[in-house]
Amino acid sequence: MFIRTETNERAKAILSWLGAHKKQETQTTLAKQFGKSRTFVSLSLNAQSVTKASESLVNDIYEYLQKKYGF
């Protein structure tokens, strides 16, 4: 789990949204969008990698989804 509760909540929200909107975005499309591996995206969203880079990625994905889809 991430140190910041907000980041944990964002990761859960992103995973939930991805599950309901598979035709719009997937972990693979997000990985391509941010220039990361799908594995790193998955580990970050599932809070199995809790580095600063992972936390930053979760926050960046959250902001991207907000801007693009009104998440």
N, C-alpha and C. Protein backbone atom coordinates (compact mmCIF):
# COMPACT_ATOMS: atom_id res chain seq x y z
N MET A 1 0.83 -1.18 0.00
CA MET A 1 0.00 0.00 0.00
C MET A 1 0.88 1.24 0.00
N PHE A 2 0.37 2.27 -0.65
CA PHE A 2 1.08 3.54 -0.69
C PHE A 2 0.96 4.24 0.66
N ILE A 3 1.90 5.11 0.93
CA ILE A 3 1.89 5.86 2.19
C ILE A 3 0.68 6.79 2.24
N ARG A 4 0.40 7.46 1.10
CA ARG A 4 -0.72 8.39 1.05
C ARG A 4 -2.02 7.65 0.77
N THR A 5 -2.99 7.81 1.62
CA THR A 5 -4.28 7.15 1.46
C THR A 5 -4.95 7.57 0.16
N GLU A 6 -4.78 8.82 -0.22
CA GLU A 6 -5.39 9.33 -1.45
C GLU A 6 -4.91 8.54 -2.67
N THR A 7 -3.64 8.19 -2.70
CA THR A 7 -3.09 7.43 -3.82
C THR A 7 -3.68 6.03 -3.86
N ASN A 8 -3.85 5.40 -2.70
CA ASN A 8 -4.49 4.08 -2.63
C ASN A 8 -5.92 4.14 -3.16
N GLU A 9 -6.64 5.16 -2.78
CA GLU A 9 -8.02 5.32 -3.24
C GLU A 9 -8.07 5.55 -4.75
N ARG A 10 -7.13 6.33 -5.26
CA ARG A 10 -7.08 6.59 -6.70
C ARG A 10 -6.79 5.31 -7.46
N ALA A 11 -5.85 4.51 -6.98
CA ALA A 11 -5.51 3.25 -7.65
C ALA A 11 -6.72 2.32 -7.70
N LYS A 12 -7.45 2.23 -6.60
CA LYS A 12 -8.66 1.39 -6.57
C LYS A 12 -9.71 1.93 -7.53
N ALA A 13 -9.88 3.23 -7.57
CA ALA A 13 -10.85 3.85 -8.46
C ALA A 13 -10.49 3.61 -9.92
N ILE A 14 -9.21 3.71 -10.24
CA ILE A 14 -8.76 3.48 -11.61
C ILE A 14 -9.03 2.03 -12.02
N LEU A 15 -8.68 1.08 -11.16
CA LEU A 15 -8.92 -0.32 -11.47
C LEU A 15 -10.41 -0.60 -11.68
N SER A 16 -11.23 -0.01 -10.85
CA SER A 16 -12.68 -0.19 -10.97
C SER A 16 -13.17 0.40 -12.29
N TRP A 17 -12.71 1.60 -12.62
CA TRP A 17 -13.12 2.25 -13.85
C TRP A 17 -12.66 1.44 -15.07
N LEU A 18 -11.43 0.95 -15.04
CA LEU A 18 -10.91 0.15 -16.15
C LEU A 18 -11.74 -1.10 -16.36
N GLY A 19 -12.18 -1.72 -15.28
CA GLY A 19 -13.00 -2.92 -15.38
C GLY A 19 -14.33 -2.65 -16.05
N ALA A 20 -14.87 -1.46 -15.86
CA ALA A 20 -16.16 -1.11 -16.43
C ALA A 20 -16.06 -0.48 -17.82
N HIS A 21 -14.86 -0.09 -18.24
CA HIS A 21 -14.68 0.62 -19.51
C HIS A 21 -13.57 0.00 -20.36
N LYS A 22 -13.60 -1.31 -20.51
CA LYS A 22 -12.53 -2.02 -21.21
C LYS A 22 -12.39 -1.63 -22.68
N LYS A 23 -13.46 -1.14 -23.27
CA LYS A 23 -13.38 -0.75 -24.68
C LYS A 23 -12.73 0.62 -24.86
N GLN A 24 -12.67 1.40 -23.80
CA GLN A 24 -12.07 2.73 -23.89
C GLN A 24 -10.60 2.72 -23.53
N GLU A 25 -10.25 2.09 -22.44
CA GLU A 25 -8.86 2.05 -21.97
C GLU A 25 -8.59 0.70 -21.32
N THR A 26 -7.35 0.27 -21.40
CA THR A 26 -6.88 -0.92 -20.69
C THR A 26 -5.53 -0.58 -20.06
N GLN A 27 -5.01 -1.49 -19.27
CA GLN A 27 -3.69 -1.25 -18.70
C GLN A 27 -2.65 -1.14 -19.80
N THR A 28 -2.85 -1.88 -20.89
CA THR A 28 -1.92 -1.83 -22.00
C THR A 28 -1.94 -0.47 -22.69
N THR A 29 -3.13 0.08 -22.93
CA THR A 29 -3.20 1.40 -23.58
C THR A 29 -2.65 2.48 -22.66
N LEU A 30 -2.86 2.34 -21.36
CA LEU A 30 -2.31 3.31 -20.42
C LEU A 30 -0.78 3.21 -20.39
N ALA A 31 -0.26 1.99 -20.46
CA ALA A 31 1.19 1.80 -20.47
C ALA A 31 1.80 2.48 -21.69
N LYS A 32 1.16 2.33 -22.83
CA LYS A 32 1.66 2.98 -24.05
C LYS A 32 1.56 4.50 -23.93
N GLN A 33 0.46 4.98 -23.37
CA GLN A 33 0.24 6.42 -23.21
C GLN A 33 1.34 7.06 -22.36
N PHE A 34 1.78 6.35 -21.32
CA PHE A 34 2.76 6.91 -20.38
C PHE A 34 4.18 6.38 -20.59
N GLY A 35 4.38 5.57 -21.63
CA GLY A 35 5.71 5.06 -21.93
C GLY A 35 6.27 4.12 -20.88
N LYS A 36 5.40 3.35 -20.27
CA LYS A 36 5.80 2.38 -19.24
C LYS A 36 5.42 0.98 -19.71
N SER A 37 5.91 -0.02 -19.02
CA SER A 37 5.52 -1.40 -19.34
C SER A 37 4.15 -1.68 -18.72
N ARG A 38 3.42 -2.61 -19.33
CA ARG A 38 2.12 -2.98 -18.78
C ARG A 38 2.29 -3.60 -17.40
N THR A 39 3.39 -4.31 -17.21
CA THR A 39 3.66 -4.92 -15.91
C THR A 39 3.83 -3.85 -14.83
N PHE A 40 4.57 -2.79 -15.15
CA PHE A 40 4.76 -1.72 -14.17
C PHE A 40 3.44 -1.02 -13.85
N VAL A 41 2.61 -0.81 -14.87
CA VAL A 41 1.30 -0.21 -14.65
C VAL A 41 0.47 -1.10 -13.73
N SER A 42 0.46 -2.39 -14.01
CA SER A 42 -0.30 -3.34 -13.21
C SER A 42 0.19 -3.37 -11.76
N LEU A 43 1.49 -3.46 -11.58
CA LEU A 43 2.05 -3.48 -10.22
C LEU A 43 1.73 -2.19 -9.47
N SER A 44 1.77 -1.08 -10.16
CA SER A 44 1.48 0.21 -9.52
C SER A 44 0.01 0.31 -9.13
N LEU A 45 -0.88 -0.06 -10.04
CA LEU A 45 -2.32 0.06 -9.75
C LEU A 45 -2.77 -0.92 -8.67
N ASN A 46 -2.09 -2.06 -8.58
CA ASN A 46 -2.43 -3.04 -7.56
C ASN A 46 -1.64 -2.84 -6.27
N ALA A 47 -0.91 -1.73 -6.18
CA ALA A 47 -0.13 -1.34 -5.00
C ALA A 47 0.87 -2.43 -4.59
N GLN A 48 1.40 -3.13 -5.58
CA GLN A 48 2.44 -4.11 -5.30
C GLN A 48 3.82 -3.49 -5.49
N SER A 49 3.86 -2.38 -6.18
CA SER A 49 5.06 -1.57 -6.29
C SER A 49 4.69 -0.20 -5.73
N VAL A 50 5.32 0.18 -4.66
CA VAL A 50 4.92 1.42 -3.98
C VAL A 50 6.04 2.46 -3.96
N THR A 51 6.82 2.48 -5.01
CA THR A 51 7.89 3.46 -5.12
C THR A 51 7.31 4.83 -5.47
N LYS A 52 8.16 5.85 -5.41
CA LYS A 52 7.71 7.19 -5.80
C LYS A 52 7.27 7.21 -7.25
N ALA A 53 7.98 6.46 -8.10
CA ALA A 53 7.62 6.39 -9.52
C ALA A 53 6.24 5.77 -9.69
N SER A 54 5.93 4.76 -8.91
CA SER A 54 4.61 4.12 -8.98
C SER A 54 3.52 5.08 -8.52
N GLU A 55 3.79 5.77 -7.43
CA GLU A 55 2.81 6.73 -6.91
C GLU A 55 2.57 7.85 -7.92
N SER A 56 3.63 8.31 -8.53
CA SER A 56 3.52 9.35 -9.54
C SER A 56 2.70 8.85 -10.73
N LEU A 57 2.94 7.61 -11.16
CA LEU A 57 2.20 7.05 -12.28
C LEU A 57 0.72 6.95 -11.97
N VAL A 58 0.37 6.48 -10.78
CA VAL A 58 -1.04 6.37 -10.40
C VAL A 58 -1.69 7.74 -10.45
N ASN A 59 -1.03 8.75 -9.92
CA ASN A 59 -1.59 10.10 -9.93
C ASN A 59 -1.71 10.66 -11.35
N ASP A 60 -0.71 10.37 -12.19
CA ASP A 60 -0.75 10.82 -13.58
C ASP A 60 -1.89 10.14 -14.35
N ILE A 61 -2.07 8.84 -14.14
CA ILE A 61 -3.16 8.12 -14.81
C ILE A 61 -4.50 8.67 -14.36
N TYR A 62 -4.63 8.94 -13.08
CA TYR A 62 -5.88 9.48 -12.54
C TYR A 62 -6.21 10.83 -13.20
N GLU A 63 -5.23 11.70 -13.29
CA GLU A 63 -5.44 13.01 -13.91
C GLU A 63 -5.76 12.87 -15.40
N TYR A 64 -5.08 11.95 -16.08
CA TYR A 64 -5.33 11.70 -17.50
C TYR A 64 -6.78 11.24 -17.72
N LEU A 65 -7.23 10.29 -16.90
CA LEU A 65 -8.61 9.80 -17.03
C LEU A 65 -9.63 10.89 -16.72
N GLN A 66 -9.31 11.73 -15.75
CA GLN A 66 -10.21 12.85 -15.42
C GLN A 66 -10.36 13.79 -16.61
N LYS A 67 -9.25 14.15 -17.23
CA LYS A 67 -9.29 15.09 -18.33
C LYS A 67 -9.95 14.49 -19.57
N LYS A 68 -9.62 13.24 -19.87
CA LYS A 68 -10.11 12.62 -21.12
C LYS A 68 -11.55 12.11 -21.01
N TYR A 69 -11.93 11.56 -19.87
CA TYR A 69 -13.24 10.92 -19.74
C TYR A 69 -14.13 11.53 -18.66
N GLY A 70 -13.65 12.56 -17.98
CA GLY A 70 -14.45 13.15 -16.90
C GLY A 70 -14.61 12.19 -15.73
N PHE A 71 -13.61 11.40 -15.51
CA PHE A 71 -13.56 10.34 -14.49
C PHE A 71 -13.81 10.88 -13.12
